Amino acid sequence: MVEHRIPQGIVAEATARTMFTLTRHPPAPELAECVDYHWVLHWDRRGKPPHEQRVLPNLAVHATFFPTASGVYGPGREVFSHRL
């Protein structure tokens, strides 16, 4: 595992730390030339109100995988939000 930190761009970092965990993992050697790291978010909001997390854009492309959807996004130009 690379780091246990909330990356730059997360709005309201102190609150974010109480809503989810984020871990980074190094890529396989054959991907290292084009992948900086894999990052994994985990949250369990059962019995808690939803949380709207705002994120500042950065100059990266992100591939996302959720149980109900996936996609490739970025680089972004505007603040975006994700409801946990």
PDB file of N, CA and C in Angstrom:
ATOM      1  N   MET A   1       0.842  -1.156   0.000  1.00  0.00           N
ATOM      2  CA  MET A   1       0.000   0.000   0.000  1.00  0.00           C
ATOM      3  C   MET A   1       0.899   1.233   0.000  1.00  0.00           C
ATOM      4  N   VAL A   2       0.546   2.236  -0.782  1.00  0.00           N
ATOM      5  CA  VAL A   2       1.375   3.422  -0.906  1.00  0.00           C
ATOM      6  C   VAL A   2       1.131   4.400   0.231  1.00  0.00           C
ATOM      7  N   GLU A   3      -0.093   4.852   0.431  1.00  0.00           N
ATOM      8  CA  GLU A   3      -0.383   5.875   1.423  1.00  0.00           C
ATOM      9  C   GLU A   3      -1.784   5.720   1.990  1.00  0.00           C
ATOM     10  N   HIS A   4      -1.971   6.272   3.186  1.00  0.00           N
ATOM     11  CA  HIS A   4      -3.290   6.389   3.803  1.00  0.00           C
ATOM     12  C   HIS A   4      -3.551   7.874   3.975  1.00  0.00           C
ATOM     13  N   ARG A   5      -3.880   8.569   2.937  1.00  0.00           N
ATOM     14  CA  ARG A   5      -4.140  10.000   3.065  1.00  0.00           C
ATOM     15  C   ARG A   5      -5.219  10.418   2.092  1.00  0.00           C
ATOM     16  N   ILE A   6      -5.882  11.493   2.426  1.00  0.00           N
ATOM     17  CA  ILE A   6      -6.857  12.088   1.527  1.00  0.00           C
ATOM     18  C   ILE A   6      -6.059  12.946   0.554  1.00  0.00           C
ATOM     19  N   PRO A   7      -6.240  12.762  -0.754  1.00  0.00           N
ATOM     20  CA  PRO A   7      -5.433  13.512  -1.720  1.00  0.00           C
ATOM     21  C   PRO A   7      -5.837  14.979  -1.809  1.00  0.00           C
ATOM     22  N   GLN A   8      -4.946  15.758  -2.400  1.00  0.00           N
ATOM     23  CA  GLN A   8      -5.294  17.143  -2.681  1.00  0.00           C
ATOM     24  C   GLN A   8      -6.539  17.140  -3.551  1.00  0.00           C
ATOM     25  N   GLY A   9      -7.331  18.188  -3.396  1.00  0.00           N
ATOM     26  CA  GLY A   9      -8.534  18.301  -4.212  1.00  0.00           C
ATOM     27  C   GLY A   9      -9.803  17.951  -3.468  1.00  0.00           C
ATOM     28  N   ILE A  10      -9.689  17.199  -2.373  1.00  0.00           N
ATOM     29  CA  ILE A  10     -10.864  16.870  -1.581  1.00  0.00           C
ATOM     30  C   ILE A  10     -11.278  18.120  -0.814  1.00  0.00           C
ATOM     31  N   VAL A  11     -12.501  18.571  -0.999  1.00  0.00           N
ATOM     32  CA  VAL A  11     -13.009  19.745  -0.302  1.00  0.00           C
ATOM     33  C   VAL A  11     -13.459  19.313   1.094  1.00  0.00           C
ATOM     34  N   ALA A  12     -13.149  20.121   2.109  1.00  0.00           N
ATOM     35  CA  ALA A  12     -13.488  19.839   3.506  1.00  0.00           C
ATOM     36  C   ALA A  12     -12.835  18.532   3.955  1.00  0.00           C
ATOM     37  N   GLU A  13     -11.506  18.504   3.876  1.00  0.00           N
ATOM     38  CA  GLU A  13     -10.741  17.287   4.165  1.00  0.00           C
ATOM     39  C   GLU A  13     -11.028  16.709   5.549  1.00  0.00           C
ATOM     40  N   ALA A  14     -11.136  17.547   6.573  1.00  0.00           N
ATOM     41  CA  ALA A  14     -11.388  17.039   7.924  1.00  0.00           C
ATOM     42  C   ALA A  14     -12.708  16.283   7.995  1.00  0.00           C
ATOM     43  N   THR A  15     -13.740  16.800   7.351  1.00  0.00           N
ATOM     44  CA  THR A  15     -15.033  16.108   7.313  1.00  0.00           C
ATOM     45  C   THR A  15     -14.929  14.843   6.481  1.00  0.00           C
ATOM     46  N   ALA A  16     -14.229  14.928   5.353  1.00  0.00           N
ATOM     47  CA  ALA A  16     -14.081  13.771   4.472  1.00  0.00           C
ATOM     48  C   ALA A  16     -13.463  12.585   5.209  1.00  0.00           C
ATOM     49  N   ARG A  17     -12.497  12.844   6.077  1.00  0.00           N
ATOM     50  CA  ARG A  17     -11.843  11.769   6.832  1.00  0.00           C
ATOM     51  C   ARG A  17     -12.826  10.993   7.710  1.00  0.00           C
ATOM     52  N   THR A  18     -13.924  11.613   8.093  1.00  0.00           N
ATOM     53  CA  THR A  18     -14.917  10.930   8.930  1.00  0.00           C
ATOM     54  C   THR A  18     -15.971  10.204   8.094  1.00  0.00           C
ATOM     55  N   MET A  19     -15.969  10.441   6.779  1.00  0.00           N
ATOM     56  CA  MET A  19     -17.009   9.882   5.909  1.00  0.00           C
ATOM     57  C   MET A  19     -16.544   8.670   5.098  1.00  0.00           C
ATOM     58  N   PHE A  20     -15.232   8.583   4.808  1.00  0.00           N
ATOM     59  CA  PHE A  20     -14.718   7.490   3.999  1.00  0.00           C
ATOM     60  C   PHE A  20     -13.231   7.302   4.254  1.00  0.00           C
ATOM     61  N   THR A  21     -12.716   6.160   3.823  1.00  0.00           N
ATOM     62  CA  THR A  21     -11.277   5.927   3.865  1.00  0.00           C
ATOM     63  C   THR A  21     -10.782   5.820   2.432  1.00  0.00           C
ATOM     64  N   LEU A  22      -9.546   6.215   2.225  1.00  0.00           N
ATOM     65  CA  LEU A  22      -8.928   6.168   0.909  1.00  0.00           C
ATOM     66  C   LEU A  22      -7.558   5.533   1.056  1.00  0.00           C
ATOM     67  N   THR A  23      -7.293   4.513   0.251  1.00  0.00           N
ATOM     68  CA  THR A  23      -5.972   3.893   0.236  1.00  0.00           C
ATOM     69  C   THR A  23      -5.441   3.902  -1.191  1.00  0.00           C
ATOM     70  N   ARG A  24      -4.133   3.995  -1.302  1.00  0.00           N
ATOM     71  CA  ARG A  24      -3.471   3.957  -2.607  1.00  0.00           C
ATOM     72  C   ARG A  24      -2.616   2.703  -2.695  1.00  0.00           C
ATOM     73  N   HIS A  25      -2.563   2.134  -3.895  1.00  0.00           N
ATOM     74  CA  HIS A  25      -1.800   0.912  -4.139  1.00  0.00           C
ATOM     75  C   HIS A  25      -0.946   1.115  -5.388  1.00  0.00           C
ATOM     76  N   PRO A  26       0.308   0.665  -5.372  1.00  0.00           N
ATOM     77  CA  PRO A  26       1.151   0.823  -6.549  1.00  0.00           C
ATOM     78  C   PRO A  26       0.643  -0.046  -7.698  1.00  0.00           C
ATOM     79  N   PRO A  27       0.880   0.388  -8.932  1.00  0.00           N
ATOM     80  CA  PRO A  27       0.464  -0.421 -10.083  1.00  0.00           C
ATOM     81  C   PRO A  27       1.413  -1.599 -10.284  1.00  0.00           C
ATOM     82  N   ALA A  28       0.962  -2.553 -11.059  1.00  0.00           N
ATOM     83  CA  ALA A  28       1.851  -3.645 -11.472  1.00  0.00           C
ATOM     84  C   ALA A  28       3.002  -3.045 -12.271  1.00  0.00           C
ATOM     85  N   PRO A  29       4.186  -3.648 -12.226  1.00  0.00           N
ATOM     86  CA  PRO A  29       5.338  -3.084 -12.936  1.00  0.00           C
ATOM     87  C   PRO A  29       5.071  -2.769 -14.409  1.00  0.00           C
ATOM     88  N   GLU A  30       4.309  -3.612 -15.081  1.00  0.00           N
ATOM     89  CA  GLU A  30       4.043  -3.377 -16.503  1.00  0.00           C
ATOM     90  C   GLU A  30       3.120  -2.183 -16.754  1.00  0.00           C
ATOM     91  N   LEU A  31       2.453  -1.673 -15.711  1.00  0.00           N
ATOM     92  CA  LEU A  31       1.588  -0.500 -15.845  1.00  0.00           C
ATOM     93  C   LEU A  31       2.233   0.782 -15.315  1.00  0.00           C
ATOM     94  N   ALA A  32       3.354   0.657 -14.639  1.00  0.00           N
ATOM     95  CA  ALA A  32       3.968   1.791 -13.931  1.00  0.00           C
ATOM     96  C   ALA A  32       4.300   2.970 -14.842  1.00  0.00           C
ATOM     97  N   GLU A  33       4.527   2.733 -16.106  1.00  0.00           N
ATOM     98  CA  GLU A  33       4.852   3.829 -17.024  1.00  0.00           C
ATOM     99  C   GLU A  33       3.662   4.763 -17.245  1.00  0.00           C
ATOM    100  N   CYS A  34       2.452   4.233 -17.143  1.00  0.00           N
ATOM    101  CA  CYS A  34       1.287   5.072 -17.417  1.00  0.00           C
ATOM    102  C   CYS A  34       0.281   5.147 -16.268  1.00  0.00           C
ATOM    103  N   VAL A  35       0.525   4.440 -15.167  1.00  0.00           N
ATOM    104  CA  VAL A  35      -0.372   4.479 -14.008  1.00  0.00           C
ATOM    105  C   VAL A  35       0.443   4.877 -12.780  1.00  0.00           C
ATOM    106  N   ASP A  36       0.059   5.971 -12.122  1.00  0.00           N
ATOM    107  CA  ASP A  36       0.754   6.398 -10.909  1.00  0.00           C
ATOM    108  C   ASP A  36       0.398   5.500  -9.731  1.00  0.00           C
ATOM    109  N   TYR A  37      -0.873   5.221  -9.566  1.00  0.00           N
ATOM    110  CA  TYR A  37      -1.340   4.394  -8.469  1.00  0.00           C
ATOM    111  C   TYR A  37      -2.805   4.042  -8.695  1.00  0.00           C
ATOM    112  N   HIS A  38      -3.240   3.029  -7.995  1.00  0.00           N
ATOM    113  CA  HIS A  38      -4.660   2.677  -7.917  1.00  0.00           C
ATOM    114  C   HIS A  38      -5.129   3.200  -6.570  1.00  0.00           C
ATOM    115  N   TRP A  39      -6.290   3.800  -6.533  1.00  0.00           N
ATOM    116  CA  TRP A  39      -6.815   4.246  -5.246  1.00  0.00           C
ATOM    117  C   TRP A  39      -8.183   3.650  -5.031  1.00  0.00           C
ATOM    118  N   VAL A  40      -8.440   3.336  -3.778  1.00  0.00           N
ATOM    119  CA  VAL A  40      -9.676   2.663  -3.399  1.00  0.00           C
ATOM    120  C   VAL A  40     -10.355   3.464  -2.291  1.00  0.00           C
ATOM    121  N   LEU A  41     -11.607   3.791  -2.525  1.00  0.00           N
ATOM    122  CA  LEU A  41     -12.432   4.456  -1.515  1.00  0.00           C
ATOM    123  C   LEU A  41     -13.333   3.417  -0.868  1.00  0.00           C
ATOM    124  N   HIS A  42     -13.540   3.556   0.417  1.00  0.00           N
ATOM    125  CA  HIS A  42     -14.487   2.684   1.107  1.00  0.00           C
ATOM    126  C   HIS A  42     -15.329   3.533   2.044  1.00  0.00           C
ATOM    127  N   TRP A  43     -16.625   3.304   1.996  1.00  0.00           N
ATOM    128  CA  TRP A  43     -17.521   3.973   2.931  1.00  0.00           C
ATOM    129  C   TRP A  43     -18.667   3.047   3.272  1.00  0.00           C
ATOM    130  N   ASP A  44     -19.173   3.223   4.463  1.00  0.00           N
ATOM    131  CA  ASP A  44     -20.339   2.482   4.915  1.00  0.00           C
ATOM    132  C   ASP A  44     -21.269   3.496   5.558  1.00  0.00           C
ATOM    133  N   ARG A  45     -22.261   3.916   4.825  1.00  0.00           N
ATOM    134  CA  ARG A  45     -23.186   4.952   5.294  1.00  0.00           C
ATOM    135  C   ARG A  45     -24.488   4.338   5.797  1.00  0.00           C
ATOM    136  N   ARG A  46     -24.542   3.015   5.973  1.00  0.00           N
ATOM    137  CA  ARG A  46     -25.775   2.386   6.471  1.00  0.00           C
ATOM    138  C   ARG A  46     -26.179   3.022   7.796  1.00  0.00           C
ATOM    139  N   GLY A  47     -27.436   3.442   7.870  1.00  0.00           N
ATOM    140  CA  GLY A  47     -27.957   4.044   9.077  1.00  0.00           C
ATOM    141  C   GLY A  47     -27.512   5.480   9.297  1.00  0.00           C
ATOM    142  N   LYS A  48     -26.822   6.043   8.328  1.00  0.00           N
ATOM    143  CA  LYS A  48     -26.327   7.417   8.434  1.00  0.00           C
ATOM    144  C   LYS A  48     -26.884   8.220   7.265  1.00  0.00           C
ATOM    145  N   PRO A  49     -26.992   9.528   7.425  1.00  0.00           N
ATOM    146  CA  PRO A  49     -27.475  10.329   6.295  1.00  0.00           C
ATOM    147  C   PRO A  49     -26.450  10.324   5.154  1.00  0.00           C
ATOM    148  N   PRO A  50     -26.902  10.500   3.911  1.00  0.00           N
ATOM    149  CA  PRO A  50     -25.976  10.579   2.782  1.00  0.00           C
ATOM    150  C   PRO A  50     -24.991  11.742   2.966  1.00  0.00           C
ATOM    151  N   HIS A  51     -23.871  11.620   2.315  1.00  0.00           N
ATOM    152  CA  HIS A  51     -22.840  12.674   2.354  1.00  0.00           C
ATOM    153  C   HIS A  51     -22.507  13.065   0.921  1.00  0.00           C
ATOM    154  N   GLU A  52     -22.535  14.353   0.633  1.00  0.00           N
ATOM    155  CA  GLU A  52     -22.182  14.871  -0.698  1.00  0.00           C
ATOM    156  C   GLU A  52     -20.724  15.340  -0.620  1.00  0.00           C
ATOM    157  N   GLN A  53     -19.820  14.612  -1.285  1.00  0.00           N
ATOM    158  CA  GLN A  53     -18.398  14.969  -1.252  1.00  0.00           C
ATOM    159  C   GLN A  53     -18.031  15.757  -2.497  1.00  0.00           C
ATOM    160  N   ARG A  54     -17.476  16.939  -2.299  1.00  0.00           N
ATOM    161  CA  ARG A  54     -17.022  17.786  -3.410  1.00  0.00           C
ATOM    162  C   ARG A  54     -15.531  17.567  -3.625  1.00  0.00           C
ATOM    163  N   VAL A  55     -15.125  17.603  -4.890  1.00  0.00           N
ATOM    164  CA  VAL A  55     -13.730  17.356  -5.262  1.00  0.00           C
ATOM    165  C   VAL A  55     -13.313  18.384  -6.309  1.00  0.00           C
ATOM    166  N   LEU A  56     -12.131  18.955  -6.112  1.00  0.00           N
ATOM    167  CA  LEU A  56     -11.573  19.875  -7.107  1.00  0.00           C
ATOM    168  C   LEU A  56     -10.964  19.058  -8.236  1.00  0.00           C
ATOM    169  N   PRO A  57     -11.054  19.525  -9.468  1.00  0.00           N
ATOM    170  CA  PRO A  57     -10.501  18.767 -10.586  1.00  0.00           C
ATOM    171  C   PRO A  57      -8.976  18.746 -10.538  1.00  0.00           C
ATOM    172  N   ASN A  58      -8.392  17.759 -11.218  1.00  0.00           N
ATOM    173  CA  ASN A  58      -6.939  17.707 -11.379  1.00  0.00           C
ATOM    174  C   ASN A  58      -6.610  17.227 -12.783  1.00  0.00           C
ATOM    175  N   LEU A  59      -5.359  17.246 -13.113  1.00  0.00           N
ATOM    176  CA  LEU A  59      -4.937  16.886 -14.469  1.00  0.00           C
ATOM    177  C   LEU A  59      -4.647  15.393 -14.571  1.00  0.00           C
ATOM    178  N   ALA A  60      -5.641  14.597 -14.266  1.00  0.00           N
ATOM    179  CA  ALA A  60      -5.489  13.145 -14.327  1.00  0.00           C
ATOM    180  C   ALA A  60      -6.727  12.532 -14.962  1.00  0.00           C
ATOM    181  N   VAL A  61      -6.555  11.340 -15.462  1.00  0.00           N
ATOM    182  CA  VAL A  61      -7.667  10.553 -15.982  1.00  0.00           C
ATOM    183  C   VAL A  61      -7.955   9.471 -14.946  1.00  0.00           C
ATOM    184  N   HIS A  62      -9.223   9.279 -14.642  1.00  0.00           N
ATOM    185  CA  HIS A  62      -9.619   8.293 -13.640  1.00  0.00           C
ATOM    186  C   HIS A  62     -10.546   7.268 -14.275  1.00  0.00           C
ATOM    187  N   ALA A  63     -10.259   6.003 -14.046  1.00  0.00           N
ATOM    188  CA  ALA A  63     -11.173   4.918 -14.407  1.00  0.00           C
ATOM    189  C   ALA A  63     -11.867   4.522 -13.115  1.00  0.00           C
ATOM    190  N   THR A  64     -13.186   4.525 -13.107  1.00  0.00           N
ATOM    191  CA  THR A  64     -13.933   4.219 -11.891  1.00  0.00           C
ATOM    192  C   THR A  64     -14.770   2.959 -12.075  1.00  0.00           C
ATOM    193  N   PHE A  65     -14.914   2.222 -10.988  1.00  0.00           N
ATOM    194  CA  PHE A  65     -15.677   0.983 -11.001  1.00  0.00           C
ATOM    195  C   PHE A  65     -16.553   0.934  -9.759  1.00  0.00           C
ATOM    196  N   PHE A  66     -17.854   0.935  -9.970  1.00  0.00           N
ATOM    197  CA  PHE A  66     -18.841   0.805  -8.905  1.00  0.00           C
ATOM    198  C   PHE A  66     -19.679  -0.425  -9.214  1.00  0.00           C
ATOM    199  N   PRO A  67     -20.378  -0.970  -8.223  1.00  0.00           N
ATOM    200  CA  PRO A  67     -21.211  -2.149  -8.504  1.00  0.00           C
ATOM    201  C   PRO A  67     -22.243  -1.919  -9.602  1.00  0.00           C
ATOM    202  N   THR A  68     -22.730  -0.684  -9.741  1.00  0.00           N
ATOM    203  CA  THR A  68     -23.792  -0.429 -10.713  1.00  0.00           C
ATOM    204  C   THR A  68     -23.349   0.389 -11.918  1.00  0.00           C
ATOM    205  N   ALA A  69     -22.093   0.843 -11.955  1.00  0.00           N
ATOM    206  CA  ALA A  69     -21.640   1.666 -13.081  1.00  0.00           C
ATOM    207  C   ALA A  69     -20.112   1.749 -13.093  1.00  0.00           C
ATOM    208  N   SER A  70     -19.565   2.069 -14.245  1.00  0.00           N
ATOM    209  CA  SER A  70     -18.132   2.310 -14.370  1.00  0.00           C
ATOM    210  C   SER A  70     -17.924   3.323 -15.488  1.00  0.00           C
ATOM    211  N   GLY A  71     -16.722   3.884 -15.553  1.00  0.00           N
ATOM    212  CA  GLY A  71     -16.446   4.849 -16.603  1.00  0.00           C
ATOM    213  C   GLY A  71     -15.025   5.376 -16.514  1.00  0.00           C
ATOM    214  N   VAL A  72     -14.660   6.164 -17.508  1.00  0.00           N
ATOM    215  CA  VAL A  72     -13.353   6.826 -17.554  1.00  0.00           C
ATOM    216  C   VAL A  72     -13.630   8.316 -17.635  1.00  0.00           C
ATOM    217  N   TYR A  73     -12.985   9.094 -16.742  1.00  0.00           N
ATOM    218  CA  TYR A  73     -13.277  10.518 -16.620  1.00  0.00           C
ATOM    219  C   TYR A  73     -11.997  11.336 -16.512  1.00  0.00           C
ATOM    220  N   GLY A  74     -12.041  12.560 -17.037  1.00  0.00           N
ATOM    221  CA  GLY A  74     -10.985  13.533 -16.799  1.00  0.00           C
ATOM    222  C   GLY A  74     -10.171  13.825 -18.027  1.00  0.00           C
ATOM    223  N   PRO A  75      -9.237  14.730 -17.909  1.00  0.00           N
ATOM    224  CA  PRO A  75      -9.094  15.673 -16.812  1.00  0.00           C
ATOM    225  C   PRO A  75     -10.289  16.616 -16.741  1.00  0.00           C
ATOM    226  N   GLY A  76     -10.638  17.002 -15.522  1.00  0.00           N
ATOM    227  CA  GLY A  76     -11.818  17.839 -15.314  1.00  0.00           C
ATOM    228  C   GLY A  76     -11.472  19.316 -15.280  1.00  0.00           C
ATOM    229  N   ARG A  77     -12.497  20.134 -15.420  1.00  0.00           N
ATOM    230  CA  ARG A  77     -12.340  21.585 -15.366  1.00  0.00           C
ATOM    231  C   ARG A  77     -13.149  22.230 -14.254  1.00  0.00           C
ATOM    232  N   GLU A  78     -14.091  21.480 -13.682  1.00  0.00           N
ATOM    233  CA  GLU A  78     -14.991  22.048 -12.684  1.00  0.00           C
ATOM    234  C   GLU A  78     -15.032  21.163 -11.445  1.00  0.00           C
ATOM    235  N   VAL A  79     -15.360  21.780 -10.313  1.00  0.00           N
ATOM    236  CA  VAL A  79     -15.582  21.040  -9.086  1.00  0.00           C
ATOM    237  C   VAL A  79     -16.699  20.028  -9.350  1.00  0.00           C
ATOM    238  N   PHE A  80     -16.530  18.805  -8.853  1.00  0.00           N
ATOM    239  CA  PHE A  80     -17.612  17.835  -9.014  1.00  0.00           C
ATOM    240  C   PHE A  80     -17.940  17.243  -7.647  1.00  0.00           C
ATOM    241  N   SER A  81     -19.103  16.623  -7.571  1.00  0.00           N
ATOM    242  CA  SER A  81     -19.574  16.036  -6.324  1.00  0.00           C
ATOM    243  C   SER A  81     -19.950  14.593  -6.543  1.00  0.00           C
ATOM    244  N   HIS A  82     -19.839  13.819  -5.467  1.00  0.00           N
ATOM    245  CA  HIS A  82     -20.290  12.431  -5.489  1.00  0.00           C
ATOM    246  C   HIS A  82     -21.031  12.172  -4.180  1.00  0.00           C
ATOM    247  N   ARG A  83     -22.211  11.611  -4.298  1.00  0.00           N
ATOM    248  CA  ARG A  83     -23.041  11.338  -3.118  1.00  0.00           C
ATOM    249  C   ARG A  83     -22.706   9.957  -2.570  1.00  0.00           C
ATOM    250  N   LEU A  84     -22.274   9.927  -1.311  1.00  0.00           N
ATOM    251  CA  LEU A  84     -21.950   8.658  -0.645  1.00  0.00           C
ATOM    252  C   LEU A  84     -23.152   8.206   0.149  1.00  0.00           C
TER     253      LEU A  84
END
